[in-house]
């Protein structure tokens, strides 16, 4: 019995062996691209939260290593506590030298070179004191004794100091980049070094933007390629948080990102079926294969309708793997069970309202209708709506009343689409009433769902 997936396994010799989303082709294409780039370069792997970016990055990392590339990996979210992302980046490079270089003699040489890189990095560990502090420590806060010539002299000295400070900083940056270039050449050989930055879209806005700026200004050297795994919309939000809503965020990001790559969409049904196999749910339907296909169709419909991320889909199927073991998989209400588990994730307030009050289904039907306008499986949706209505009926009188209401609304409907929707519900209700669809099953299903919630 599996109610939680084990940590994703990436075999060294076949890194995409367990790829559920058919993304190996993307890795092959991107690797070919990396092989042709010699200048400083930043690639963004753009995909929304919860769509498998991190797993793809880890599989691709192993694929690149197998292809002879040196690869560094930095989880920005883990380092988000750091005041300066620059220092975190430098520290992460040093910590991975042992992993990427197995030859002891060569490793020692690389570490020696990187020691010079670190020494040049120290000037960026702290920013200069603010101007206000300089003024305060220059004896100019006693306003009663300030003379015009003192202010002019101070301004002249401060300007000269700032220019000298700028020149020193500029020279330090050049020395840092020279040392970094030597390090990269020693590390990479003929192929560029690939530096993955993951989870950047989860970081504080100031950390995110500062990291992008440091990559652009301090790490832009030949032979070093950065790959950012991001949800670009979240990064744009971070930029606007810092610089205002009117900021041309996309244009600003273009200063730092040379090329975007959108991870391909997930083929319909692929992920659901793969998770059914991973969670051993298939075995439970060994003697009810028709219901298995029906449950998969329901989940595919709801996942698409509610626009669930891969992470949310996995969480829902994890709950389902528990609930399905507590009921008869041949039960006539398995479709309603799938809907309620999905509704709980999509709109928990509505779910709670629905299960706490008998006859409180019109709002749920309206919600489902609103979400399903672009969905074409009218038969399946009619079936689920019929189950929602009938599950709230306590007796035959309630069923007859509910059926007549649907029939009446269908007669009054002006739009063709609405008539078709209600006709599908009416047809399914007739069929289920004839086949003795059980009454008042909500309580039974929700008890199992709430029980599944206790497992973490």
Protein backbone atom coordinates (compact mmCIF):
# COMPACT_ATOMS: atom_id res chain seq x y z
CA UNK A 1 0.00 0.00 0.00
CA UNK A 2 1.37 3.39 -1.01
CA UNK A 3 -0.17 6.60 0.31
CA UNK A 4 2.93 8.72 -0.25
CA UNK A 5 5.35 8.63 -3.15
CA UNK A 6 9.00 7.93 -2.33
CA UNK A 7 11.56 10.61 -3.16
CA UNK A 8 11.94 10.91 -6.91
CA UNK A 9 14.69 8.58 -8.10
CA UNK A 10 17.08 9.69 -10.86
CA UNK A 11 19.25 6.80 -12.07
CA UNK A 12 22.75 8.02 -12.95
CA UNK A 13 22.97 6.10 -16.22
CA UNK A 14 19.39 6.89 -17.38
CA UNK A 15 18.33 10.15 -15.69
CA UNK A 16 14.99 10.35 -17.53
CA UNK A 17 14.01 6.73 -16.90
CA UNK A 18 11.30 7.79 -14.43
CA UNK A 19 10.22 10.90 -16.31
CA UNK A 20 6.41 10.97 -16.18
CA UNK A 21 6.04 14.09 -18.29
CA UNK A 22 8.09 13.18 -21.39
CA UNK A 23 10.57 16.03 -21.01
CA UNK A 24 13.75 14.29 -22.10
CA UNK A 25 13.40 15.88 -25.53
CA UNK A 26 13.63 19.32 -23.91
CA UNK A 27 16.84 18.30 -22.15
CA UNK A 28 18.38 17.08 -25.42
CA UNK A 29 17.49 20.28 -27.27
CA UNK A 30 18.74 22.53 -24.46
CA UNK A 31 21.97 20.55 -24.10
CA UNK A 32 22.67 21.01 -27.80
CA UNK A 33 22.08 24.74 -27.35
CA UNK A 34 24.44 24.91 -24.34
CA UNK A 35 27.17 23.23 -26.40
CA UNK A 36 27.19 26.05 -28.95
CA UNK A 37 27.35 29.01 -26.51
CA UNK A 38 30.71 30.59 -25.71
CA UNK A 39 29.76 34.04 -24.41
CA UNK A 40 28.15 34.82 -21.00
CA UNK A 41 24.58 33.61 -21.13
CA UNK A 42 21.46 33.38 -18.94
CA UNK A 43 18.66 30.98 -19.85
CA UNK A 44 15.29 31.01 -18.04
CA UNK A 45 13.27 27.79 -17.78
CA UNK A 46 9.82 29.33 -17.45
CA UNK A 47 6.93 27.34 -16.01
CA UNK A 48 4.34 28.07 -13.35
CA UNK A 49 4.63 26.93 -9.75
CA UNK A 50 4.12 23.22 -9.15
CA UNK A 51 4.70 22.09 -12.76
CA UNK A 52 7.83 20.01 -12.16
CA UNK A 53 10.66 22.50 -12.80
CA UNK A 54 12.85 21.23 -9.97
CA UNK A 55 12.53 17.59 -10.99
CA UNK A 56 13.30 18.51 -14.59
CA UNK A 57 16.36 20.48 -13.47
CA UNK A 58 17.70 17.56 -11.44
CA UNK A 59 17.20 15.08 -14.28
CA UNK A 60 18.80 17.47 -16.76
CA UNK A 61 21.70 18.09 -14.37
CA UNK A 62 22.54 14.38 -14.38
CA UNK A 63 22.09 14.24 -18.16
CA UNK A 64 24.56 17.14 -18.55
CA UNK A 65 27.07 15.45 -16.23
CA UNK A 66 26.81 12.29 -18.32
CA UNK A 67 27.50 14.45 -21.39
CA UNK A 68 30.74 15.82 -19.92
CA UNK A 69 29.52 19.16 -18.55
CA UNK A 70 30.47 20.55 -15.15
CA UNK A 71 27.26 21.52 -13.36
CA UNK A 72 26.65 23.63 -10.24
CA UNK A 73 23.29 23.80 -8.44
CA UNK A 74 22.01 26.57 -6.15
CA UNK A 75 18.66 26.46 -4.35
CA UNK A 76 17.91 30.16 -3.93
CA UNK A 77 14.97 29.52 -1.60
CA UNK A 78 17.20 27.68 0.89
CA UNK A 79 19.65 30.64 0.86
CA UNK A 80 16.91 33.28 1.08
CA UNK A 81 17.85 33.99 4.72
CA UNK A 82 21.22 35.43 3.59
CA UNK A 83 21.55 39.19 3.53
CA UNK A 84 23.63 39.17 0.33
CA UNK A 85 22.93 36.55 -2.38
CA UNK A 86 26.37 37.21 -3.86
CA UNK A 87 28.12 35.71 -0.83
CA UNK A 88 25.68 32.75 -0.88
CA UNK A 89 26.52 32.10 -4.55
CA UNK A 90 30.26 32.17 -3.93
CA UNK A 91 29.87 29.86 -0.93
CA UNK A 92 27.77 27.41 -2.94
CA UNK A 93 30.40 27.17 -5.67
CA UNK A 94 33.10 26.34 -3.13
CA UNK A 95 30.97 23.70 -1.40
CA UNK A 96 30.46 21.80 -4.68
CA UNK A 97 34.08 21.61 -5.91
CA UNK A 98 34.58 18.20 -4.29
CA UNK A 99 31.44 16.87 -6.00
CA UNK A 100 32.29 18.04 -9.51
CA UNK A 101 36.02 17.19 -9.52
CA UNK A 102 37.03 13.65 -8.54
CA UNK A 103 40.74 13.98 -9.38
CA UNK A 104 42.46 14.91 -6.10
CA UNK A 105 45.37 16.75 -7.71
CA UNK A 106 43.13 18.74 -10.06
CA UNK A 107 40.72 19.43 -7.20
CA UNK A 108 43.52 20.99 -5.17
CA UNK A 109 44.48 23.21 -8.10
CA UNK A 110 40.87 24.32 -8.60
CA UNK A 111 40.46 25.08 -4.89
CA UNK A 112 43.64 27.18 -4.92
CA UNK A 113 42.33 29.24 -7.82
CA UNK A 114 38.95 29.61 -6.15
CA UNK A 115 40.67 30.87 -3.01
CA UNK A 116 41.74 33.91 -5.07
CA UNK A 117 38.15 34.29 -6.31
CA UNK A 118 36.93 34.38 -2.69
CA UNK A 119 39.50 36.95 -1.63
CA UNK A 120 38.27 39.29 -4.35
CA UNK A 121 34.66 38.66 -3.33
CA UNK A 122 35.06 40.08 0.18
CA UNK A 123 34.59 43.75 -0.81
CA UNK A 124 30.98 42.95 -1.76
CA UNK A 125 30.09 41.29 1.54
CA UNK A 126 28.87 44.56 3.03
CA UNK A 127 27.63 47.76 1.46
CA UNK A 128 29.26 51.11 2.26
CA UNK A 129 27.77 53.15 5.11
CA UNK A 130 24.92 55.41 4.08
CA UNK A 131 25.66 59.04 3.37
CA UNK A 132 23.72 60.07 6.45
CA UNK A 133 26.12 58.19 8.72
CA UNK A 134 29.08 59.91 7.05
CA UNK A 135 27.51 63.29 7.63
CA UNK A 136 26.71 62.44 11.24
CA UNK A 137 30.29 61.40 11.98
CA UNK A 138 31.75 64.47 10.29
CA UNK A 139 30.62 66.89 12.97
CA UNK A 140 28.02 68.55 10.76
CA UNK A 141 24.99 67.67 12.84
CA UNK A 142 25.48 70.75 14.99
CA UNK A 143 23.52 73.03 12.67
CA UNK A 144 24.18 76.18 14.71
CA UNK A 145 27.92 76.08 13.88
CA UNK A 146 27.72 75.16 10.19
CA UNK A 147 29.31 77.64 7.79
CA UNK A 148 28.83 77.76 4.04
CA UNK A 149 32.53 77.14 3.34
CA UNK A 150 32.44 74.07 5.64
CA UNK A 151 29.57 72.59 3.63
CA UNK A 152 31.33 73.31 0.32
CA UNK A 153 34.56 71.76 1.58
CA UNK A 154 32.74 68.70 2.92
CA UNK A 155 30.85 68.24 -0.38
CA UNK A 156 34.12 68.49 -2.32
CA UNK A 157 35.83 65.92 -0.09
CA UNK A 158 32.83 63.60 -0.19
CA UNK A 159 32.65 63.78 -4.01
CA UNK A 160 36.36 63.00 -4.30
CA UNK A 161 35.94 60.12 -1.85
CA UNK A 162 33.01 58.71 -3.80
CA UNK A 163 34.94 58.86 -7.08
CA UNK A 164 37.91 57.10 -5.52
CA UNK A 165 35.59 54.52 -3.97
CA UNK A 166 33.98 53.93 -7.37
CA UNK A 167 37.36 53.43 -9.03
CA UNK A 168 38.45 50.98 -6.33
CA UNK A 169 35.20 49.04 -6.65
CA UNK A 170 35.51 48.94 -10.44
CA UNK A 171 39.06 47.61 -10.20
CA UNK A 172 38.01 45.02 -7.61
CA UNK A 173 35.20 43.81 -9.87
CA UNK A 174 37.62 43.41 -12.77
CA UNK A 175 40.04 41.45 -10.59
CA UNK A 176 37.21 39.26 -9.28
CA UNK A 177 36.03 38.49 -12.81
CA UNK A 178 39.59 37.75 -13.95
CA UNK A 179 40.00 35.22 -11.15
CA UNK A 180 36.56 33.77 -11.80
CA UNK A 181 37.38 33.37 -15.50
CA UNK A 182 40.57 31.49 -14.60
CA UNK A 183 38.55 29.25 -12.27
CA UNK A 184 35.93 28.51 -14.94
CA UNK A 185 38.58 27.71 -17.56
CA UNK A 186 40.32 25.30 -15.20
CA UNK A 187 37.02 23.68 -14.26
CA UNK A 188 35.30 23.43 -17.61
CA UNK A 189 37.78 22.33 -20.22
CA UNK A 190 36.16 22.56 -23.64
CA UNK A 191 32.54 22.81 -22.47
CA UNK A 192 30.90 25.66 -20.53
CA UNK A 193 30.14 25.39 -16.83
CA UNK A 194 26.37 25.26 -16.24
CA UNK A 195 25.08 26.94 -13.06
CA UNK A 196 21.48 26.06 -12.14
CA UNK A 197 19.55 28.53 -9.96
CA UNK A 198 16.38 26.90 -8.63
CA UNK A 199 13.36 28.20 -6.65
CA UNK A 200 14.19 31.86 -7.36
CA UNK A 201 10.50 32.72 -7.75
CA UNK A 202 9.86 31.74 -4.10
CA UNK A 203 12.38 34.20 -2.64
CA UNK A 204 11.93 37.65 -1.14
CA UNK A 205 11.62 40.30 -3.90
CA UNK A 206 14.79 42.14 -2.83
CA UNK A 207 16.77 38.87 -2.68
CA UNK A 208 15.49 37.84 -6.12
CA UNK A 209 16.31 41.12 -7.85
CA UNK A 210 19.67 41.45 -6.09
CA UNK A 211 20.65 37.95 -7.21
CA UNK A 212 19.75 38.72 -10.82
CA UNK A 213 21.79 41.92 -10.70
CA UNK A 214 24.83 40.15 -9.21
CA UNK A 215 24.70 37.46 -11.91
CA UNK A 216 24.56 40.15 -14.61
CA UNK A 217 27.31 42.40 -13.30
CA UNK A 218 29.72 40.05 -11.53
CA UNK A 219 29.35 36.60 -13.14
CA UNK A 220 29.05 37.55 -16.82
CA UNK A 221 32.16 35.79 -18.09
CA UNK A 222 32.74 33.48 -21.08
CA UNK A 223 32.26 29.80 -20.36
CA UNK A 224 29.73 30.29 -17.56
CA UNK A 225 26.04 29.75 -18.33
CA UNK A 226 23.29 30.37 -15.80
CA UNK A 227 20.00 28.47 -16.00
CA UNK A 228 17.18 29.98 -13.93
CA UNK A 229 14.15 27.82 -13.11
CA UNK A 230 11.41 30.41 -12.62
CA UNK A 231 7.76 31.26 -12.82
CA UNK A 232 8.26 34.47 -14.77
CA UNK A 233 5.00 36.00 -13.57
CA UNK A 234 6.24 35.71 -9.98
CA UNK A 235 9.57 37.34 -10.88
CA UNK A 236 7.70 40.20 -12.57
CA UNK A 237 5.68 40.60 -9.36
CA UNK A 238 8.95 40.81 -7.37
CA UNK A 239 10.27 43.54 -9.67
CA UNK A 240 7.06 45.56 -9.31
CA UNK A 241 7.15 45.18 -5.53
CA UNK A 242 10.54 46.91 -5.52
CA UNK A 243 10.16 49.43 -8.34
CA UNK A 244 6.41 50.09 -8.51
CA UNK A 245 3.43 48.80 -10.49
CA UNK A 246 4.20 51.07 -13.45
CA UNK A 247 7.63 49.51 -13.97
CA UNK A 248 8.16 47.79 -17.33
CA UNK A 249 9.07 44.56 -15.56
CA UNK A 250 9.38 42.43 -18.68
CA UNK A 251 11.78 44.93 -20.23
CA UNK A 252 13.74 45.09 -16.98
CA UNK A 253 14.12 41.29 -16.89
CA UNK A 254 15.41 41.33 -20.46
CA UNK A 255 18.51 43.04 -19.10
CA UNK A 256 19.31 39.85 -17.17
CA UNK A 257 17.79 37.00 -19.18
CA UNK A 258 19.03 36.29 -22.69
CA UNK A 259 16.52 33.60 -23.63
CA UNK A 260 13.33 32.07 -22.23
CA UNK A 261 12.38 28.43 -22.65
CA UNK A 262 8.81 27.39 -21.85
CA UNK A 263 8.55 23.83 -20.58
CA UNK A 264 6.09 21.92 -22.78
CA UNK A 265 2.60 21.23 -21.50
CA UNK A 266 1.62 17.88 -20.09
CA UNK A 267 -0.16 15.49 -22.46
CA UNK A 268 -3.73 14.99 -21.24
CA UNK A 269 -4.12 11.99 -18.95
CA UNK A 270 -0.43 11.09 -18.83
CA UNK A 271 0.24 12.32 -15.30
CA UNK A 272 -2.96 10.95 -13.77
CA UNK A 273 -2.36 7.47 -15.18
CA UNK A 274 1.28 7.54 -14.11
CA UNK A 275 0.29 8.47 -10.54
CA UNK A 276 -2.35 5.72 -10.47
CA UNK A 277 0.43 3.26 -11.21
CA UNK A 278 2.88 4.84 -8.73
CA UNK A 279 0.33 4.76 -5.89
CA UNK A 280 -0.74 1.17 -6.74
CA UNK A 281 -4.32 2.38 -7.28
CA UNK A 282 -4.55 0.30 -10.46
CA UNK A 283 -4.48 -2.88 -8.37
CA UNK A 284 -7.60 -1.79 -6.49
CA UNK A 285 -9.57 -1.71 -9.75
CA UNK A 286 -8.43 -5.13 -10.88
CA UNK A 287 -12.04 -6.35 -10.92
CA UNK A 288 -13.61 -3.01 -11.84
CA UNK A 289 -11.63 -1.78 -14.84
CA UNK A 290 -14.59 0.18 -16.18
CA UNK A 291 -14.78 2.21 -13.00
CA UNK A 292 -11.00 2.77 -13.16
CA UNK A 293 -11.33 4.48 -16.56
CA UNK A 294 -14.33 6.44 -15.29
CA UNK A 295 -12.40 7.71 -12.21
CA UNK A 296 -9.42 8.69 -14.39
CA UNK A 297 -11.75 10.55 -16.76
CA UNK A 298 -13.32 12.40 -13.79
CA UNK A 299 -9.93 13.41 -12.38
CA UNK A 300 -8.64 14.56 -15.77
CA UNK A 301 -11.78 16.65 -16.17
CA UNK A 302 -11.52 18.29 -12.72
CA UNK A 303 -7.75 18.83 -12.91
CA UNK A 304 -8.20 20.66 -16.20
CA UNK A 305 -11.29 22.54 -15.06
CA UNK A 306 -9.77 23.79 -11.80
CA UNK A 307 -6.34 24.35 -13.35
CA UNK A 308 -4.52 22.32 -10.68
CA UNK A 309 -0.72 22.29 -10.68
CA UNK A 310 1.16 18.98 -10.79
CA UNK A 311 1.81 19.33 -7.07
CA UNK A 312 -1.90 19.77 -6.35
CA UNK A 313 -2.74 16.82 -8.59
CA UNK A 314 -0.33 14.62 -6.67
CA UNK A 315 -1.81 15.75 -3.34
CA UNK A 316 -5.34 14.95 -4.53
CA UNK A 317 -4.38 11.49 -5.79
CA UNK A 318 -2.52 10.87 -2.53
CA UNK A 319 -5.79 11.52 -0.66
CA UNK A 320 -7.71 9.45 -3.19
CA UNK A 321 -5.33 6.52 -2.64
CA UNK A 322 -6.51 6.44 1.00
CA UNK A 323 -10.23 7.10 0.42
CA UNK A 324 -10.49 4.53 -2.38
CA UNK A 325 -9.29 1.83 0.03
CA UNK A 326 -12.13 2.63 2.42
CA UNK A 327 -14.99 2.22 -0.06
CA UNK A 328 -16.16 -0.32 -2.62
CA UNK A 329 -14.49 0.72 -5.90
CA UNK A 330 -17.58 -0.58 -7.72
CA UNK A 331 -19.77 1.93 -5.86
CA UNK A 332 -22.03 4.11 -8.00
CA UNK A 333 -20.81 7.30 -6.32
CA UNK A 334 -17.05 7.11 -7.10
CA UNK A 335 -17.44 10.03 -9.51
CA UNK A 336 -18.97 12.17 -6.75
CA UNK A 337 -16.10 11.13 -4.47
CA UNK A 338 -13.57 12.40 -7.06
CA UNK A 339 -15.47 15.65 -7.37
CA UNK A 340 -15.61 16.29 -3.62
CA UNK A 341 -11.89 15.61 -3.15
CA UNK A 342 -11.18 18.02 -6.01
CA UNK A 343 -13.67 20.64 -4.76
CA UNK A 344 -11.98 20.60 -1.35
CA UNK A 345 -8.73 21.73 -3.00
CA UNK A 346 -10.36 24.13 -5.46
CA UNK A 347 -12.73 25.89 -3.03
CA UNK A 348 -12.60 24.62 0.54
CA UNK A 349 -15.19 27.15 1.79
CA UNK A 350 -17.75 25.95 -0.74
CA UNK A 351 -16.90 22.32 0.06
CA UNK A 352 -17.53 22.95 3.77
CA UNK A 353 -20.76 24.77 3.05
CA UNK A 354 -21.98 21.99 0.77
CA UNK A 355 -21.32 19.09 3.16
CA UNK A 356 -22.76 20.89 6.21
CA UNK A 357 -26.24 21.60 4.85
CA UNK A 358 -28.66 19.23 3.15
CA UNK A 359 -30.14 20.52 -0.08
CA UNK A 360 -27.43 23.15 -0.43
CA UNK A 361 -26.33 22.13 -3.92
CA UNK A 362 -27.42 24.97 -6.31
CA UNK A 363 -24.34 27.05 -5.40
CA UNK A 364 -22.08 24.07 -6.14
CA UNK A 365 -23.81 23.53 -9.49
CA UNK A 366 -23.32 27.21 -10.36
CA UNK A 367 -19.63 26.98 -9.42
CA UNK A 368 -19.22 23.87 -11.55
CA UNK A 369 -21.07 25.46 -14.45
CA UNK A 370 -18.88 28.57 -14.30
CA UNK A 371 -15.66 26.52 -14.25
CA UNK A 372 -16.78 24.13 -16.99
CA UNK A 373 -17.78 26.60 -19.72
CA UNK A 374 -14.79 25.68 -21.87
CA UNK A 375 -14.98 21.97 -21.09
CA UNK A 376 -16.64 19.85 -23.78
CA UNK A 377 -17.42 16.61 -21.93
CA UNK A 378 -21.06 17.46 -21.32
CA UNK A 379 -21.99 13.84 -20.62
CA UNK A 380 -19.46 13.45 -17.82
CA UNK A 381 -20.37 16.81 -16.29
CA UNK A 382 -24.08 15.97 -16.55
CA UNK A 383 -23.32 12.73 -14.71
CA UNK A 384 -21.49 14.53 -11.87
CA UNK A 385 -24.20 17.19 -11.55
CA UNK A 386 -26.85 14.47 -11.36
CA UNK A 387 -24.89 12.79 -8.54
CA UNK A 388 -24.54 16.09 -6.69
CA UNK A 389 -28.32 16.60 -6.81
CA UNK A 390 -29.37 13.02 -6.02
CA UNK A 391 -26.86 12.62 -3.19
CA UNK A 392 -28.73 15.39 -1.34
CA UNK A 393 -32.13 13.70 -1.72
CA UNK A 394 -33.35 11.85 1.36
CA UNK A 395 -36.23 9.96 -0.26
CA UNK A 396 -38.21 9.38 -3.46
CA UNK A 397 -40.24 12.55 -2.98
CA UNK A 398 -37.06 14.63 -2.86
CA UNK A 399 -35.81 12.91 -6.02
CA UNK A 400 -39.04 13.59 -7.89
CA UNK A 401 -39.00 17.25 -6.82
CA UNK A 402 -35.35 17.68 -7.84
CA UNK A 403 -36.00 16.01 -11.20
CA UNK A 404 -39.01 18.25 -11.94
CA UNK A 405 -36.94 21.34 -11.07
CA UNK A 406 -34.28 20.38 -13.62
CA UNK A 407 -36.96 19.64 -16.23
CA UNK A 408 -38.65 22.99 -15.55
CA UNK A 409 -35.39 24.94 -15.78
CA UNK A 410 -34.54 23.20 -19.05
CA UNK A 411 -37.92 24.27 -20.52
CA UNK A 412 -37.29 27.87 -19.48
CA UNK A 413 -33.70 28.04 -20.70
CA UNK A 414 -33.22 30.48 -23.57
CA UNK A 415 -29.67 29.61 -24.63
CA UNK A 416 -28.90 26.44 -26.52
CA UNK A 417 -25.84 25.71 -24.38
CA UNK A 418 -27.87 25.93 -21.17
CA UNK A 419 -30.59 23.66 -22.56
CA UNK A 420 -27.96 21.07 -23.54
CA UNK A 421 -26.35 21.22 -20.10
CA UNK A 422 -29.67 20.70 -18.31
CA UNK A 423 -30.72 17.99 -20.76
CA UNK A 424 -27.52 16.06 -19.94
CA UNK A 425 -28.27 16.38 -16.20
CA UNK A 426 -31.89 15.28 -16.70
CA UNK A 427 -30.86 12.25 -18.74
CA UNK A 428 -28.30 11.18 -16.11
CA UNK A 429 -30.81 11.67 -13.28
CA UNK A 430 -33.37 9.47 -15.03
CA UNK A 431 -30.76 6.76 -15.55
CA UNK A 432 -29.52 6.86 -11.97
CA UNK A 433 -33.02 6.86 -10.46
CA UNK A 434 -33.84 3.75 -12.50
CA UNK A 435 -30.63 2.10 -11.30
CA UNK A 436 -31.24 2.92 -7.63
CA UNK A 437 -28.53 5.50 -7.06
CA UNK A 438 -28.06 5.61 -3.26
CA UNK A 439 -29.57 8.50 -1.33
CA UNK A 440 -27.77 10.71 1.17
CA UNK A 441 -24.24 9.42 0.50
CA UNK A 442 -22.50 12.73 1.22
CA UNK A 443 -21.92 11.94 4.88
CA UNK A 444 -20.36 8.57 4.07
CA UNK A 445 -17.97 10.02 1.46
CA UNK A 446 -16.91 13.08 3.46
CA UNK A 447 -16.08 11.01 6.54
CA UNK A 448 -13.56 9.09 4.41
CA UNK A 449 -12.17 12.31 2.92
CA UNK A 450 -11.74 13.91 6.35
CA UNK A 451 -10.05 10.76 7.61
CA UNK A 452 -7.58 10.92 4.71
CA UNK A 453 -6.77 14.50 5.70
CA UNK A 454 -5.36 13.29 9.01
CA UNK A 455 -2.52 11.51 7.24
CA UNK A 456 0.48 13.79 6.62
